[in-house]
């Protein structure tokens, strides 16, 4: 399987960084991880920036396994250039065109956060 999930956790949030090809098996693996580890997170960020290929069936399986669960509504945020290929209608998306893992220093062209103390912004 050409797919990996790297994880980072903060006290309130969970971050998944996906890479490789996102297909049926990848969707099931991600759904299992979300159901196992995501219950206590306020927000779950799923970064799609490093995916090579996304199959429609993978998106459909992930939506079927996670999308209908009320406990995850409004907590899952998809980021990166493939965010709309993996996420489903009704999800939250962040895709500002900045590289994944961008650290905002309030000097970005068209910076929207305007927060000089802003730490690590995942878009």
PDB file of N, CA and C in Angstrom:
ATOM      1  N   UNK A   1       0.850  -1.174   0.000  1.00  0.00           N
ATOM      2  CA  UNK A   1       0.000   0.000   0.000  1.00  0.00           C
ATOM      3  C   UNK A   1       0.895   1.235   0.000  1.00  0.00           C
ATOM      4  N   UNK A   2       0.658   2.128  -0.936  1.00  0.00           N
ATOM      5  CA  UNK A   2       1.431   3.352  -1.059  1.00  0.00           C
ATOM      6  C   UNK A   2       0.682   4.490  -0.377  1.00  0.00           C
ATOM      7  N   UNK A   3       0.540   4.397   0.953  1.00  0.00           N
ATOM      8  CA  UNK A   3      -0.206   5.404   1.698  1.00  0.00           C
ATOM      9  C   UNK A   3       0.324   5.437   3.125  1.00  0.00           C
ATOM     10  N   UNK A   4       0.545   6.635   3.642  1.00  0.00           N
ATOM     11  CA  UNK A   4       0.979   6.778   5.031  1.00  0.00           C
ATOM     12  C   UNK A   4       0.179   7.891   5.715  1.00  0.00           C
ATOM     13  N   UNK A   5       0.033   7.724   7.015  1.00  0.00           N
ATOM     14  CA  UNK A   5      -0.597   8.741   7.866  1.00  0.00           C
ATOM     15  C   UNK A   5       0.396   9.081   8.966  1.00  0.00           C
ATOM     16  N   UNK A   6       0.787  10.335   9.031  1.00  0.00           N
ATOM     17  CA  UNK A   6       1.587  10.817  10.150  1.00  0.00           C
ATOM     18  C   UNK A   6       0.665  11.622  11.047  1.00  0.00           C
ATOM     19  N   UNK A   7       0.887  11.534  12.342  1.00  0.00           N
ATOM     20  CA  UNK A   7      -0.020  12.139  13.312  1.00  0.00           C
ATOM     21  C   UNK A   7       0.737  13.090  14.221  1.00  0.00           C
ATOM     22  N   UNK A   8       0.064  14.157  14.580  1.00  0.00           N
ATOM     23  CA  UNK A   8       0.558  15.086  15.595  1.00  0.00           C
ATOM     24  C   UNK A   8      -0.632  15.461  16.461  1.00  0.00           C
ATOM     25  N   UNK A   9      -0.420  15.526  17.760  1.00  0.00           N
ATOM     26  CA  UNK A   9      -1.510  15.862  18.678  1.00  0.00           C
ATOM     27  C   UNK A   9      -1.089  17.033  19.551  1.00  0.00           C
ATOM     28  N   UNK A  10      -2.023  17.941  19.755  1.00  0.00           N
ATOM     29  CA  UNK A  10      -1.867  18.997  20.753  1.00  0.00           C
ATOM     30  C   UNK A  10      -2.903  18.693  21.840  1.00  0.00           C
ATOM     31  N   UNK A  11      -2.918  19.432  22.926  1.00  0.00           N
ATOM     32  CA  UNK A  11      -3.904  19.123  23.972  1.00  0.00           C
ATOM     33  C   UNK A  11      -5.354  19.114  23.470  1.00  0.00           C
ATOM     34  N   UNK A  12      -5.686  19.935  22.475  1.00  0.00           N
ATOM     35  CA  UNK A  12      -7.072  20.030  22.022  1.00  0.00           C
ATOM     36  C   UNK A  12      -7.326  19.513  20.616  1.00  0.00           C
ATOM     37  N   UNK A  13      -6.280  19.399  19.806  1.00  0.00           N
ATOM     38  CA  UNK A  13      -6.465  19.090  18.389  1.00  0.00           C
ATOM     39  C   UNK A  13      -5.640  17.883  17.954  1.00  0.00           C
ATOM     40  N   UNK A  14      -6.093  17.306  16.855  1.00  0.00           N
ATOM     41  CA  UNK A  14      -5.420  16.154  16.260  1.00  0.00           C
ATOM     42  C   UNK A  14      -5.152  16.493  14.809  1.00  0.00           C
ATOM     43  N   UNK A  15      -3.927  16.237  14.348  1.00  0.00           N
ATOM     44  CA  UNK A  15      -3.531  16.547  12.986  1.00  0.00           C
ATOM     45  C   UNK A  15      -3.080  15.260  12.296  1.00  0.00           C
ATOM     46  N   UNK A  16      -3.680  14.973  11.148  1.00  0.00           N
ATOM     47  CA  UNK A  16      -3.257  13.847  10.318  1.00  0.00           C
ATOM     48  C   UNK A  16      -2.669  14.402   9.033  1.00  0.00           C
ATOM     49  N   UNK A  17      -1.479  13.925   8.684  1.00  0.00           N
ATOM     50  CA  UNK A  17      -0.808  14.328   7.456  1.00  0.00           C
ATOM     51  C   UNK A  17      -0.788  13.114   6.535  1.00  0.00           C
ATOM     52  N   UNK A  18      -1.528  13.184   5.424  1.00  0.00           N
ATOM     53  CA  UNK A  18      -1.659  12.054   4.507  1.00  0.00           C
ATOM     54  C   UNK A  18      -0.664  12.191   3.369  1.00  0.00           C
ATOM     55  N   UNK A  19      -0.106  11.049   2.931  1.00  0.00           N
ATOM     56  CA  UNK A  19       0.757  11.056   1.753  1.00  0.00           C
ATOM     57  C   UNK A  19       0.587   9.741   1.002  1.00  0.00           C
ATOM     58  N   UNK A  20       0.851   9.787  -0.295  1.00  0.00           N
ATOM     59  CA  UNK A  20       0.707   8.600  -1.134  1.00  0.00           C
ATOM     60  C   UNK A  20      -0.599   8.646  -1.907  1.00  0.00           C
ATOM     61  N   UNK A  21      -1.167   7.476  -2.170  1.00  0.00           N
ATOM     62  CA  UNK A  21      -2.402   7.358  -2.944  1.00  0.00           C
ATOM     63  C   UNK A  21      -3.577   7.076  -2.018  1.00  0.00           C
ATOM     64  N   UNK A  22      -4.633   7.860  -2.149  1.00  0.00           N
ATOM     65  CA  UNK A  22      -5.815   7.717  -1.295  1.00  0.00           C
ATOM     66  C   UNK A  22      -6.869   6.919  -2.048  1.00  0.00           C
ATOM     67  N   UNK A  23      -7.104   5.682  -1.596  1.00  0.00           N
ATOM     68  CA  UNK A  23      -8.070   4.794  -2.244  1.00  0.00           C
ATOM     69  C   UNK A  23      -8.981   4.180  -1.182  1.00  0.00           C
ATOM     70  N   UNK A  24      -9.674   3.095  -1.529  1.00  0.00           N
ATOM     71  CA  UNK A  24     -10.616   2.451  -0.599  1.00  0.00           C
ATOM     72  C   UNK A  24      -9.942   2.032   0.711  1.00  0.00           C
ATOM     73  N   UNK A  25      -8.804   1.348   0.598  1.00  0.00           N
ATOM     74  CA  UNK A  25      -8.099   0.882   1.793  1.00  0.00           C
ATOM     75  C   UNK A  25      -7.595   2.045   2.636  1.00  0.00           C
ATOM     76  N   UNK A  26      -7.096   3.087   1.977  1.00  0.00           N
ATOM     77  CA  UNK A  26      -6.620   4.276   2.694  1.00  0.00           C
ATOM     78  C   UNK A  26      -7.757   4.932   3.465  1.00  0.00           C
ATOM     79  N   UNK A  27      -8.931   5.003   2.835  1.00  0.00           N
ATOM     80  CA  UNK A  27     -10.094   5.608   3.482  1.00  0.00           C
ATOM     81  C   UNK A  27     -10.492   4.820   4.727  1.00  0.00           C
ATOM     82  N   UNK A  28     -10.495   3.515   4.626  1.00  0.00           N
ATOM     83  CA  UNK A  28     -10.836   2.684   5.797  1.00  0.00           C
ATOM     84  C   UNK A  28      -9.804   2.861   6.916  1.00  0.00           C
ATOM     85  N   UNK A  29      -8.526   2.913   6.548  1.00  0.00           N
ATOM     86  CA  UNK A  29      -7.466   3.109   7.535  1.00  0.00           C
ATOM     87  C   UNK A  29      -7.616   4.463   8.227  1.00  0.00           C
ATOM     88  N   UNK A  30      -7.862   5.513   7.461  1.00  0.00           N
ATOM     89  CA  UNK A  30      -8.046   6.840   8.050  1.00  0.00           C
ATOM     90  C   UNK A  30      -9.288   6.871   8.938  1.00  0.00           C
ATOM     91  N   UNK A  31     -10.379   6.297   8.488  1.00  0.00           N
ATOM     92  CA  UNK A  31     -11.613   6.259   9.290  1.00  0.00           C
ATOM     93  C   UNK A  31     -11.377   5.522  10.607  1.00  0.00           C
ATOM     94  N   UNK A  32     -10.664   4.402  10.564  1.00  0.00           N
ATOM     95  CA  UNK A  32     -10.344   3.660  11.792  1.00  0.00           C
ATOM     96  C   UNK A  32      -9.538   4.517  12.756  1.00  0.00           C
ATOM     97  N   UNK A  33      -8.536   5.231  12.229  1.00  0.00           N
ATOM     98  CA  UNK A  33      -7.706   6.090  13.084  1.00  0.00           C
ATOM     99  C   UNK A  33      -8.536   7.214  13.697  1.00  0.00           C
ATOM    100  N   UNK A  34      -9.406   7.824  12.890  1.00  0.00           N
ATOM    101  CA  UNK A  34     -10.242   8.914  13.402  1.00  0.00           C
ATOM    102  C   UNK A  34     -11.163   8.401  14.507  1.00  0.00           C
ATOM    103  N   UNK A  35     -11.793   7.250  14.294  1.00  0.00           N
ATOM    104  CA  UNK A  35     -12.711   6.710  15.306  1.00  0.00           C
ATOM    105  C   UNK A  35     -11.963   6.265  16.563  1.00  0.00           C
ATOM    106  N   UNK A  36     -10.742   5.803  16.414  1.00  0.00           N
ATOM    107  CA  UNK A  36      -9.959   5.337  17.554  1.00  0.00           C
ATOM    108  C   UNK A  36      -9.356   6.502  18.346  1.00  0.00           C
ATOM    109  N   UNK A  37      -8.836   7.499  17.652  1.00  0.00           N
ATOM    110  CA  UNK A  37      -8.065   8.560  18.312  1.00  0.00           C
ATOM    111  C   UNK A  37      -8.766   9.915  18.366  1.00  0.00           C
ATOM    112  N   UNK A  38      -9.826  10.103  17.604  1.00  0.00           N
ATOM    113  CA  UNK A  38     -10.396  11.433  17.454  1.00  0.00           C
ATOM    114  C   UNK A  38     -11.506  11.820  18.400  1.00  0.00           C
ATOM    115  N   UNK A  39     -11.963  10.928  19.230  1.00  0.00           N
ATOM    116  CA  UNK A  39     -13.108  11.237  20.096  1.00  0.00           C
ATOM    117  C   UNK A  39     -12.831  12.367  21.090  1.00  0.00           C
ATOM    118  N   UNK A  40     -11.606  12.510  21.549  1.00  0.00           N
ATOM    119  CA  UNK A  40     -11.310  13.522  22.563  1.00  0.00           C
ATOM    120  C   UNK A  40     -10.812  14.827  21.970  1.00  0.00           C
ATOM    121  N   UNK A  41     -10.567  14.883  20.674  1.00  0.00           N
ATOM    122  CA  UNK A  41     -10.050  16.108  20.045  1.00  0.00           C
ATOM    123  C   UNK A  41     -11.189  17.080  19.765  1.00  0.00           C
ATOM    124  N   UNK A  42     -10.941  18.357  20.009  1.00  0.00           N
ATOM    125  CA  UNK A  42     -11.928  19.377  19.661  1.00  0.00           C
ATOM    126  C   UNK A  42     -12.018  19.537  18.148  1.00  0.00           C
ATOM    127  N   UNK A  43     -10.848  19.471  17.487  1.00  0.00           N
ATOM    128  CA  UNK A  43     -10.803  19.578  16.028  1.00  0.00           C
ATOM    129  C   UNK A  43      -9.840  18.531  15.488  1.00  0.00           C
ATOM    130  N   UNK A  44     -10.172  18.009  14.306  1.00  0.00           N
ATOM    131  CA  UNK A  44      -9.331  17.023  13.635  1.00  0.00           C
ATOM    132  C   UNK A  44      -8.989  17.609  12.272  1.00  0.00           C
ATOM    133  N   UNK A  45      -7.709  17.927  12.080  1.00  0.00           N
ATOM    134  CA  UNK A  45      -7.235  18.495  10.827  1.00  0.00           C
ATOM    135  C   UNK A  45      -6.640  17.379   9.983  1.00  0.00           C
ATOM    136  N   UNK A  46      -7.074  17.290   8.730  1.00  0.00           N
ATOM    137  CA  UNK A  46      -6.581  16.258   7.813  1.00  0.00           C
ATOM    138  C   UNK A  46      -5.916  16.964   6.642  1.00  0.00           C
ATOM    139  N   UNK A  47      -4.581  16.882   6.591  1.00  0.00           N
ATOM    140  CA  UNK A  47      -3.799  17.561   5.561  1.00  0.00           C
ATOM    141  C   UNK A  47      -3.625  16.653   4.349  1.00  0.00           C
ATOM    142  N   UNK A  48      -4.082  17.103   3.193  1.00  0.00           N
ATOM    143  CA  UNK A  48      -4.052  16.308   1.955  1.00  0.00           C
ATOM    144  C   UNK A  48      -2.972  16.773   0.980  1.00  0.00           C
ATOM    145  N   UNK A  49      -2.131  17.682   1.404  1.00  0.00           N
ATOM    146  CA  UNK A  49      -1.158  18.324   0.514  1.00  0.00           C
ATOM    147  C   UNK A  49      -0.249  17.325  -0.207  1.00  0.00           C
ATOM    148  N   UNK A  50       0.126  16.247   0.455  1.00  0.00           N
ATOM    149  CA  UNK A  50       1.117  15.328  -0.119  1.00  0.00           C
ATOM    150  C   UNK A  50       0.514  14.052  -0.702  1.00  0.00           C
ATOM    151  N   UNK A  51      -0.773  14.091  -0.999  1.00  0.00           N
ATOM    152  CA  UNK A  51      -1.377  12.955  -1.680  1.00  0.00           C
ATOM    153  C   UNK A  51      -1.047  13.031  -3.168  1.00  0.00           C
ATOM    154  N   UNK A  52      -0.793  11.869  -3.770  1.00  0.00           N
ATOM    155  CA  UNK A  52      -0.497  11.820  -5.198  1.00  0.00           C
ATOM    156  C   UNK A  52      -1.754  11.624  -6.017  1.00  0.00           C
ATOM    157  N   UNK A  53      -2.591  10.721  -5.575  1.00  0.00           N
ATOM    158  CA  UNK A  53      -3.795  10.357  -6.314  1.00  0.00           C
ATOM    159  C   UNK A  53      -4.929  10.142  -5.319  1.00  0.00           C
ATOM    160  N   UNK A  54      -6.125  10.608  -5.685  1.00  0.00           N
ATOM    161  CA  UNK A  54      -7.309  10.433  -4.841  1.00  0.00           C
ATOM    162  C   UNK A  54      -8.390   9.791  -5.696  1.00  0.00           C
ATOM    163  N   UNK A  55      -8.869   8.629  -5.264  1.00  0.00           N
ATOM    164  CA  UNK A  55      -9.950   7.972  -6.000  1.00  0.00           C
ATOM    165  C   UNK A  55     -11.292   8.410  -5.429  1.00  0.00           C
ATOM    166  N   UNK A  56     -12.290   8.483  -6.294  1.00  0.00           N
ATOM    167  CA  UNK A  56     -13.624   8.871  -5.853  1.00  0.00           C
ATOM    168  C   UNK A  56     -14.188   7.846  -4.865  1.00  0.00           C
ATOM    169  N   UNK A  57     -13.871   6.571  -5.072  1.00  0.00           N
ATOM    170  CA  UNK A  57     -14.371   5.536  -4.153  1.00  0.00           C
ATOM    171  C   UNK A  57     -13.781   5.706  -2.756  1.00  0.00           C
ATOM    172  N   UNK A  58     -12.530   6.177  -2.662  1.00  0.00           N
ATOM    173  CA  UNK A  58     -11.927   6.434  -1.356  1.00  0.00           C
ATOM    174  C   UNK A  58     -12.671   7.528  -0.619  1.00  0.00           C
ATOM    175  N   UNK A  59     -12.991   8.595  -1.351  1.00  0.00           N
ATOM    176  CA  UNK A  59     -13.764   9.699  -0.759  1.00  0.00           C
ATOM    177  C   UNK A  59     -15.131   9.203  -0.295  1.00  0.00           C
ATOM    178  N   UNK A  60     -15.790   8.400  -1.123  1.00  0.00           N
ATOM    179  CA  UNK A  60     -17.124   7.894  -0.803  1.00  0.00           C
ATOM    180  C   UNK A  60     -17.102   7.012   0.439  1.00  0.00           C
ATOM    181  N   UNK A  61     -16.111   6.142   0.537  1.00  0.00           N
ATOM    182  CA  UNK A  61     -16.004   5.256   1.704  1.00  0.00           C
ATOM    183  C   UNK A  61     -15.761   6.067   2.971  1.00  0.00           C
ATOM    184  N   UNK A  62     -14.865   7.052   2.909  1.00  0.00           N
ATOM    185  CA  UNK A  62     -14.601   7.880   4.085  1.00  0.00           C
ATOM    186  C   UNK A  62     -15.859   8.619   4.512  1.00  0.00           C
ATOM    187  N   UNK A  63     -16.590   9.157   3.557  1.00  0.00           N
ATOM    188  CA  UNK A  63     -17.842   9.852   3.883  1.00  0.00           C
ATOM    189  C   UNK A  63     -18.856   8.902   4.506  1.00  0.00           C
ATOM    190  N   UNK A  64     -18.970   7.695   3.966  1.00  0.00           N
ATOM    191  CA  UNK A  64     -19.914   6.720   4.519  1.00  0.00           C
ATOM    192  C   UNK A  64     -19.547   6.320   5.947  1.00  0.00           C
ATOM    193  N   UNK A  65     -18.250   6.170   6.223  1.00  0.00           N
ATOM    194  CA  UNK A  65     -17.815   5.716   7.544  1.00  0.00           C
ATOM    195  C   UNK A  65     -17.791   6.828   8.592  1.00  0.00           C
ATOM    196  N   UNK A  66     -17.474   8.052   8.199  1.00  0.00           N
ATOM    197  CA  UNK A  66     -17.290   9.148   9.154  1.00  0.00           C
ATOM    198  C   UNK A  66     -18.343  10.243   8.998  1.00  0.00           C
ATOM    199  N   UNK A  67     -18.725  10.551   7.769  1.00  0.00           N
ATOM    200  CA  UNK A  67     -19.570  11.717   7.493  1.00  0.00           C
ATOM    201  C   UNK A  67     -20.916  11.720   8.175  1.00  0.00           C
ATOM    202  N   UNK A  68     -21.481  10.559   8.390  1.00  0.00           N
ATOM    203  CA  UNK A  68     -22.818  10.494   8.990  1.00  0.00           C
ATOM    204  C   UNK A  68     -22.794  10.497  10.519  1.00  0.00           C
ATOM    205  N   UNK A  69     -21.644  10.446  11.106  1.00  0.00           N
ATOM    206  CA  UNK A  69     -21.539  10.399  12.574  1.00  0.00           C
ATOM    207  C   UNK A  69     -21.618  11.808  13.158  1.00  0.00           C
ATOM    208  N   UNK A  70     -22.615  12.036  13.973  1.00  0.00           N
ATOM    209  CA  UNK A  70     -22.843  13.349  14.569  1.00  0.00           C
ATOM    210  C   UNK A  70     -21.665  13.813  15.425  1.00  0.00           C
ATOM    211  N   UNK A  71     -20.971  12.880  16.045  1.00  0.00           N
ATOM    212  CA  UNK A  71     -19.874  13.251  16.943  1.00  0.00           C
ATOM    213  C   UNK A  71     -18.716  13.915  16.203  1.00  0.00           C
ATOM    214  N   UNK A  72     -18.659  13.783  14.879  1.00  0.00           N
ATOM    215  CA  UNK A  72     -17.573  14.389  14.109  1.00  0.00           C
ATOM    216  C   UNK A  72     -18.017  15.604  13.306  1.00  0.00           C
ATOM    217  N   UNK A  73     -19.306  15.919  13.327  1.00  0.00           N
ATOM    218  CA  UNK A  73     -19.794  17.072  12.582  1.00  0.00           C
ATOM    219  C   UNK A  73     -19.093  18.336  13.064  1.00  0.00           C
ATOM    220  N   UNK A  74     -18.644  19.142  12.162  1.00  0.00           N
ATOM    221  CA  UNK A  74     -17.989  20.433  12.428  1.00  0.00           C
ATOM    222  C   UNK A  74     -16.650  20.323  13.159  1.00  0.00           C
ATOM    223  N   UNK A  75     -16.149  19.130  13.359  1.00  0.00           N
ATOM    224  CA  UNK A  75     -14.842  18.995  14.009  1.00  0.00           C
ATOM    225  C   UNK A  75     -13.755  18.605  13.027  1.00  0.00           C
ATOM    226  N   UNK A  76     -14.121  18.055  11.878  1.00  0.00           N
ATOM    227  CA  UNK A  76     -13.131  17.638  10.889  1.00  0.00           C
ATOM    228  C   UNK A  76     -12.907  18.773   9.904  1.00  0.00           C
ATOM    229  N   UNK A  77     -11.620  19.121   9.723  1.00  0.00           N
ATOM    230  CA  UNK A  77     -11.226  20.187   8.813  1.00  0.00           C
ATOM    231  C   UNK A  77     -10.211  19.617   7.832  1.00  0.00           C
ATOM    232  N   UNK A  78     -10.518  19.684   6.547  1.00  0.00           N
ATOM    233  CA  UNK A  78      -9.602  19.204   5.517  1.00  0.00           C
ATOM    234  C   UNK A  78      -8.766  20.365   5.008  1.00  0.00           C
ATOM    235  N   UNK A  79      -7.459  20.140   4.865  1.00  0.00           N
ATOM    236  CA  UNK A  79      -6.543  21.165   4.385  1.00  0.00           C
ATOM    237  C   UNK A  79      -5.718  20.610   3.226  1.00  0.00           C
ATOM    238  N   UNK A  80      -5.046  21.484   2.513  1.00  0.00           N
ATOM    239  CA  UNK A  80      -4.147  21.073   1.445  1.00  0.00           C
ATOM    240  C   UNK A  80      -4.808  21.087   0.080  1.00  0.00           C
ATOM    241  N   UNK A  81      -3.992  20.863  -0.945  1.00  0.00           N
ATOM    242  CA  UNK A  81      -4.483  21.027  -2.315  1.00  0.00           C
ATOM    243  C   UNK A  81      -5.516  19.991  -2.737  1.00  0.00           C
ATOM    244  N   UNK A  82      -5.588  18.853  -2.054  1.00  0.00           N
ATOM    245  CA  UNK A  82      -6.574  17.826  -2.400  1.00  0.00           C
ATOM    246  C   UNK A  82      -7.738  17.776  -1.414  1.00  0.00           C
ATOM    247  N   UNK A  83      -7.902  18.821  -0.615  1.00  0.00           N
ATOM    248  CA  UNK A  83      -8.901  18.788   0.457  1.00  0.00           C
ATOM    249  C   UNK A  83     -10.316  18.526  -0.069  1.00  0.00           C
ATOM    250  N   UNK A  84     -10.685  19.113  -1.180  1.00  0.00           N
ATOM    251  CA  UNK A  84     -12.054  18.928  -1.683  1.00  0.00           C
ATOM    252  C   UNK A  84     -12.228  17.607  -2.418  1.00  0.00           C
ATOM    253  N   UNK A  85     -11.122  16.953  -2.766  1.00  0.00           N
ATOM    254  CA  UNK A  85     -11.215  15.626  -3.379  1.00  0.00           C
ATOM    255  C   UNK A  85     -11.421  14.548  -2.320  1.00  0.00           C
ATOM    256  N   UNK A  86     -10.974  14.812  -1.092  1.00  0.00           N
ATOM    257  CA  UNK A  86     -11.088  13.832  -0.014  1.00  0.00           C
ATOM    258  C   UNK A  86     -12.300  14.122   0.864  1.00  0.00           C
ATOM    259  N   UNK A  87     -12.550  15.393   1.161  1.00  0.00           N
ATOM    260  CA  UNK A  87     -13.674  15.772   2.012  1.00  0.00           C
ATOM    261  C   UNK A  87     -14.980  15.758   1.240  1.00  0.00           C
ATOM    262  N   UNK A  88     -16.075  15.795   1.954  1.00  0.00           N
ATOM    263  CA  UNK A  88     -17.398  15.721   1.350  1.00  0.00           C
ATOM    264  C   UNK A  88     -18.160  17.005   1.629  1.00  0.00           C
ATOM    265  N   UNK A  89     -19.262  17.182   0.962  1.00  0.00           N
ATOM    266  CA  UNK A  89     -20.074  18.374   1.125  1.00  0.00           C
ATOM    267  C   UNK A  89     -20.527  18.488   2.577  1.00  0.00           C
ATOM    268  N   UNK A  90     -20.368  19.667   3.137  1.00  0.00           N
ATOM    269  CA  UNK A  90     -20.714  19.898   4.526  1.00  0.00           C
ATOM    270  C   UNK A  90     -19.506  19.905   5.442  1.00  0.00           C
ATOM    271  N   UNK A  91     -18.332  19.501   4.929  1.00  0.00           N
ATOM    272  CA  UNK A  91     -17.097  19.542   5.721  1.00  0.00           C
ATOM    273  C   UNK A  91     -16.555  20.963   5.736  1.00  0.00           C
ATOM    274  N   UNK A  92     -15.607  21.177   6.611  1.00  0.00           N
ATOM    275  CA  UNK A  92     -14.881  22.435   6.630  1.00  0.00           C
ATOM    276  C   UNK A  92     -13.598  22.244   5.835  1.00  0.00           C
ATOM    277  N   UNK A  93     -13.237  23.246   5.044  1.00  0.00           N
ATOM    278  CA  UNK A  93     -12.040  23.191   4.222  1.00  0.00           C
ATOM    279  C   UNK A  93     -11.178  24.424   4.477  1.00  0.00           C
ATOM    280  N   UNK A  94      -9.873  24.228   4.533  1.00  0.00           N
ATOM    281  CA  UNK A  94      -8.907  25.327   4.595  1.00  0.00           C
ATOM    282  C   UNK A  94      -7.911  25.087   3.473  1.00  0.00           C
ATOM    283  N   UNK A  95      -7.846  25.991   2.532  1.00  0.00           N
ATOM    284  CA  UNK A  95      -6.882  25.866   1.448  1.00  0.00           C
ATOM    285  C   UNK A  95      -6.531  27.266   0.997  1.00  0.00           C
ATOM    286  N   UNK A  96      -5.562  27.871   1.652  1.00  0.00           N
ATOM    287  CA  UNK A  96      -5.225  29.258   1.368  1.00  0.00           C
ATOM    288  C   UNK A  96      -4.194  29.395   0.267  1.00  0.00           C
ATOM    289  N   UNK A  97      -3.679  28.285  -0.251  1.00  0.00           N
ATOM    290  CA  UNK A  97      -2.634  28.366  -1.248  1.00  0.00           C
ATOM    291  C   UNK A  97      -1.246  28.435  -0.636  1.00  0.00           C
ATOM    292  N   UNK A  98      -1.178  28.500   0.680  1.00  0.00           N
ATOM    293  CA  UNK A  98       0.131  28.490   1.348  1.00  0.00           C
ATOM    294  C   UNK A  98       0.578  27.055   1.514  1.00  0.00           C
ATOM    295  N   UNK A  99       1.885  26.844   1.635  1.00  0.00           N
ATOM    296  CA  UNK A  99       2.360  25.477   1.848  1.00  0.00           C
ATOM    297  C   UNK A  99       1.840  24.901   3.156  1.00  0.00           C
ATOM    298  N   UNK A 100       1.665  23.599   3.192  1.00  0.00           N
ATOM    299  CA  UNK A 100       1.234  22.917   4.403  1.00  0.00           C
ATOM    300  C   UNK A 100       2.252  23.162   5.510  1.00  0.00           C
ATOM    301  N   UNK A 101       1.769  23.397   6.715  1.00  0.00           N
ATOM    302  CA  UNK A 101       2.667  23.639   7.836  1.00  0.00           C
ATOM    303  C   UNK A 101       3.188  25.066   7.872  1.00  0.00           C
ATOM    304  N   UNK A 102       2.571  25.968   7.125  1.00  0.00           N
ATOM    305  CA  UNK A 102       2.990  27.370   7.060  1.00  0.00           C
ATOM    306  C   UNK A 102       3.022  27.970   8.455  1.00  0.00           C
ATOM    307  N   UNK A 103       4.099  28.633   8.800  1.00  0.00           N
ATOM    308  CA  UNK A 103       4.193  29.343  10.069  1.00  0.00           C
ATOM    309  C   UNK A 103       3.999  30.817   9.763  1.00  0.00           C
ATOM    310  N   UNK A 104       2.912  31.374  10.236  1.00  0.00           N
ATOM    311  CA  UNK A 104       2.570  32.750   9.919  1.00  0.00           C
ATOM    312  C   UNK A 104       3.407  33.699  10.768  1.00  0.00           C
ATOM    313  N   UNK A 105       4.039  34.634  10.113  1.00  0.00           N
ATOM    314  CA  UNK A 105       4.820  35.648  10.800  1.00  0.00           C
ATOM    315  C   UNK A 105       4.234  37.048  10.534  1.00  0.00           C
ATOM    316  N   UNK A 106       2.981  37.085  10.096  1.00  0.00           N
ATOM    317  CA  UNK A 106       2.267  38.322   9.823  1.00  0.00           C
ATOM    318  C   UNK A 106       2.931  39.143   8.721  1.00  0.00           C
ATOM    319  N   UNK A 107       3.696  38.507   7.842  1.00  0.00           N
ATOM    320  CA  UNK A 107       4.336  39.201   6.731  1.00  0.00           C
ATOM    321  C   UNK A 107       3.905  38.615   5.393  1.00  0.00           C
ATOM    322  N   UNK A 108       2.959  37.687   5.406  1.00  0.00           N
ATOM    323  CA  UNK A 108       2.499  37.060   4.173  1.00  0.00           C
ATOM    324  C   UNK A 108       1.720  38.067   3.343  1.00  0.00           C
ATOM    325  N   UNK A 109       1.860  37.973   2.036  1.00  0.00           N
ATOM    326  CA  UNK A 109       1.056  38.806   1.157  1.00  0.00           C
ATOM    327  C   UNK A 109      -0.405  38.412   1.378  1.00  0.00           C
ATOM    328  N   UNK A 110      -1.252  39.385   1.597  1.00  0.00           N
ATOM    329  CA  UNK A 110      -2.681  39.158   1.847  1.00  0.00           C
ATOM    330  C   UNK A 110      -2.926  38.341   3.113  1.00  0.00           C
ATOM    331  N   UNK A 111      -2.091  38.497   4.126  1.00  0.00           N
ATOM    332  CA  UNK A 111      -2.264  37.760   5.379  1.00  0.00           C
ATOM    333  C   UNK A 111      -3.619  38.113   5.982  1.00  0.00           C
ATOM    334  N   UNK A 112      -4.355  37.094   6.395  1.00  0.00           N
ATOM    335  CA  UNK A 112      -5.686  37.308   6.935  1.00  0.00           C
ATOM    336  C   UNK A 112      -5.727  37.221   8.453  1.00  0.00           C
ATOM    337  N   UNK A 113      -4.727  36.594   9.068  1.00  0.00           N
ATOM    338  CA  UNK A 113      -4.837  36.396  10.513  1.00  0.00           C
ATOM    339  C   UNK A 113      -4.428  37.642  11.286  1.00  0.00           C
ATOM    340  N   UNK A 114      -3.481  38.418  10.802  1.00  0.00           N
ATOM    341  CA  UNK A 114      -3.041  39.662  11.445  1.00  0.00           C
ATOM    342  C   UNK A 114      -2.731  39.483  12.924  1.00  0.00           C
ATOM    343  N   UNK A 115      -2.292  38.308  13.290  1.00  0.00           N
ATOM    344  CA  UNK A 115      -1.989  38.016  14.678  1.00  0.00           C
ATOM    345  C   UNK A 115      -0.493  37.806  14.805  1.00  0.00           C
ATOM    346  N   UNK A 116       0.215  38.726  15.409  1.00  0.00           N
ATOM    347  CA  UNK A 116       1.673  38.628  15.504  1.00  0.00           C
ATOM    348  C   UNK A 116       2.121  37.466  16.373  1.00  0.00           C
ATOM    349  N   UNK A 117       1.271  36.984  17.242  1.00  0.00           N
ATOM    350  CA  UNK A 117       1.620  35.863  18.115  1.00  0.00           C
ATOM    351  C   UNK A 117       1.129  34.531  17.558  1.00  0.00           C
ATOM    352  N   UNK A 118       0.645  34.560  16.346  1.00  0.00           N
ATOM    353  CA  UNK A 118       0.110  33.343  15.730  1.00  0.00           C
ATOM    354  C   UNK A 118       1.214  32.290  15.638  1.00  0.00           C
ATOM    355  N   UNK A 119       0.929  31.095  16.041  1.00  0.00           N
ATOM    356  CA  UNK A 119       1.943  30.039  16.055  1.00  0.00           C
ATOM    357  C   UNK A 119       1.938  29.262  14.756  1.00  0.00           C
ATOM    358  N   UNK A 120       1.535  28.039  14.777  1.00  0.00           N
ATOM    359  CA  UNK A 120       1.597  27.172  13.614  1.00  0.00           C
ATOM    360  C   UNK A 120       0.221  27.093  12.964  1.00  0.00           C
ATOM    361  N   UNK A 121       0.149  27.621  11.758  1.00  0.00           N
ATOM    362  CA  UNK A 121      -1.121  27.649  11.036  1.00  0.00           C
ATOM    363  C   UNK A 121      -1.091  26.570   9.969  1.00  0.00           C
ATOM    364  N   UNK A 122      -1.965  25.594  10.075  1.00  0.00           N
ATOM    365  CA  UNK A 122      -2.022  24.521   9.101  1.00  0.00           C
ATOM    366  C   UNK A 122      -3.026  24.912   8.037  1.00  0.00           C
ATOM    367  N   UNK A 123      -2.569  25.220   6.838  1.00  0.00           N
ATOM    368  CA  UNK A 123      -3.437  25.402   5.688  1.00  0.00           C
ATOM    369  C   UNK A 123      -2.745  24.740   4.570  1.00  0.00           C
TER     370      UNK A 123
END
